[in-house]
């Protein structure tokens, strides 16, 4: 028999899921920012060579 989840356990699980989603999203944003920065550096380097 599975014990019923209490209200606090359910809300804790929801909070953990939200935290995981937020962390994954900020991770993607951070990687995207790093990629954009490196692309900008490459473009400025090419411009300097021309």
C-alpha atoms as a PDB file:
ATOM      1  CA  UNK A   1       0.000   0.000   0.000  1.00  0.00           C
ATOM      2  CA  UNK A   2       1.365   3.377  -0.991  1.00  0.00           C
ATOM      3  CA  UNK A   3       0.992   6.073   1.670  1.00  0.00           C
ATOM      4  CA  UNK A   4      -0.894   9.167   0.603  1.00  0.00           C
ATOM      5  CA  UNK A   5       1.266  12.184  -0.173  1.00  0.00           C
ATOM      6  CA  UNK A   6       0.723  14.979   2.299  1.00  0.00           C
ATOM      7  CA  UNK A   7       0.032  18.522   1.118  1.00  0.00           C
ATOM      8  CA  UNK A   8       3.508  19.670   2.146  1.00  0.00           C
ATOM      9  CA  UNK A   9       5.164  16.837   0.215  1.00  0.00           C
ATOM     10  CA  UNK A  10       3.144  17.664  -2.894  1.00  0.00           C
ATOM     11  CA  UNK A  11       4.002  21.370  -2.735  1.00  0.00           C
ATOM     12  CA  UNK A  12       7.655  20.511  -2.072  1.00  0.00           C
ATOM     13  CA  UNK A  13       7.682  18.320  -5.186  1.00  0.00           C
ATOM     14  CA  UNK A  14       6.115  21.120  -7.237  1.00  0.00           C
ATOM     15  CA  UNK A  15       8.684  23.588  -5.906  1.00  0.00           C
ATOM     16  CA  UNK A  16      11.517  21.211  -6.793  1.00  0.00           C
ATOM     17  CA  UNK A  17      10.150  20.748 -10.313  1.00  0.00           C
ATOM     18  CA  UNK A  18       9.854  24.519 -10.760  1.00  0.00           C
ATOM     19  CA  UNK A  19      13.411  24.944  -9.466  1.00  0.00           C
ATOM     20  CA  UNK A  20      14.694  22.326 -11.932  1.00  0.00           C
ATOM     21  CA  UNK A  21      12.886  23.987 -14.855  1.00  0.00           C
ATOM     22  CA  UNK A  22      14.199  27.432 -13.864  1.00  0.00           C
ATOM     23  CA  UNK A  23      17.743  26.089 -13.529  1.00  0.00           C
ATOM     24  CA  UNK A  24      17.590  24.384 -16.919  1.00  0.00           C
ATOM     25  CA  UNK A  25      16.222  27.571 -18.521  1.00  0.00           C
ATOM     26  CA  UNK A  26      18.934  29.809 -17.049  1.00  0.00           C
ATOM     27  CA  UNK A  27      21.516  27.228 -18.134  1.00  0.00           C
ATOM     28  CA  UNK A  28      20.265  27.433 -21.739  1.00  0.00           C
ATOM     29  CA  UNK A  29      20.237  31.245 -21.597  1.00  0.00           C
ATOM     30  CA  UNK A  30      23.793  31.248 -20.242  1.00  0.00           C
ATOM     31  CA  UNK A  31      25.016  28.949 -23.002  1.00  0.00           C
ATOM     32  CA  UNK A  32      23.216  31.024 -25.625  1.00  0.00           C
ATOM     33  CA  UNK A  33      24.820  34.207 -24.305  1.00  0.00           C
ATOM     34  CA  UNK A  34      28.268  32.591 -24.413  1.00  0.00           C
ATOM     35  CA  UNK A  35      27.680  31.455 -28.014  1.00  0.00           C
ATOM     36  CA  UNK A  36      26.523  34.936 -29.071  1.00  0.00           C
ATOM     37  CA  UNK A  37      29.558  36.514 -27.391  1.00  0.00           C
ATOM     38  CA  UNK A  38      31.983  34.180 -29.170  1.00  0.00           C
ATOM     39  CA  UNK A  39      30.261  34.830 -32.524  1.00  0.00           C
ATOM     40  CA  UNK A  40      30.600  38.588 -31.946  1.00  0.00           C
ATOM     41  CA  UNK A  41      34.291  38.141 -31.157  1.00  0.00           C
ATOM     42  CA  UNK A  42      34.830  36.174 -34.378  1.00  0.00           C
ATOM     43  CA  UNK A  43      32.996  38.829 -36.420  1.00  0.00           C
ATOM     44  CA  UNK A  44      35.038  41.666 -34.907  1.00  0.00           C
ATOM     45  CA  UNK A  45      38.266  39.711 -35.511  1.00  0.00           C
ATOM     46  CA  UNK A  46      37.343  39.192 -39.180  1.00  0.00           C
ATOM     47  CA  UNK A  47      36.488  42.885 -39.538  1.00  0.00           C
ATOM     48  CA  UNK A  48      39.874  43.818 -38.116  1.00  0.00           C
ATOM     49  CA  UNK A  49      41.606  41.592 -40.663  1.00  0.00           C
ATOM     50  CA  UNK A  50      39.753  43.151 -43.606  1.00  0.00           C
END
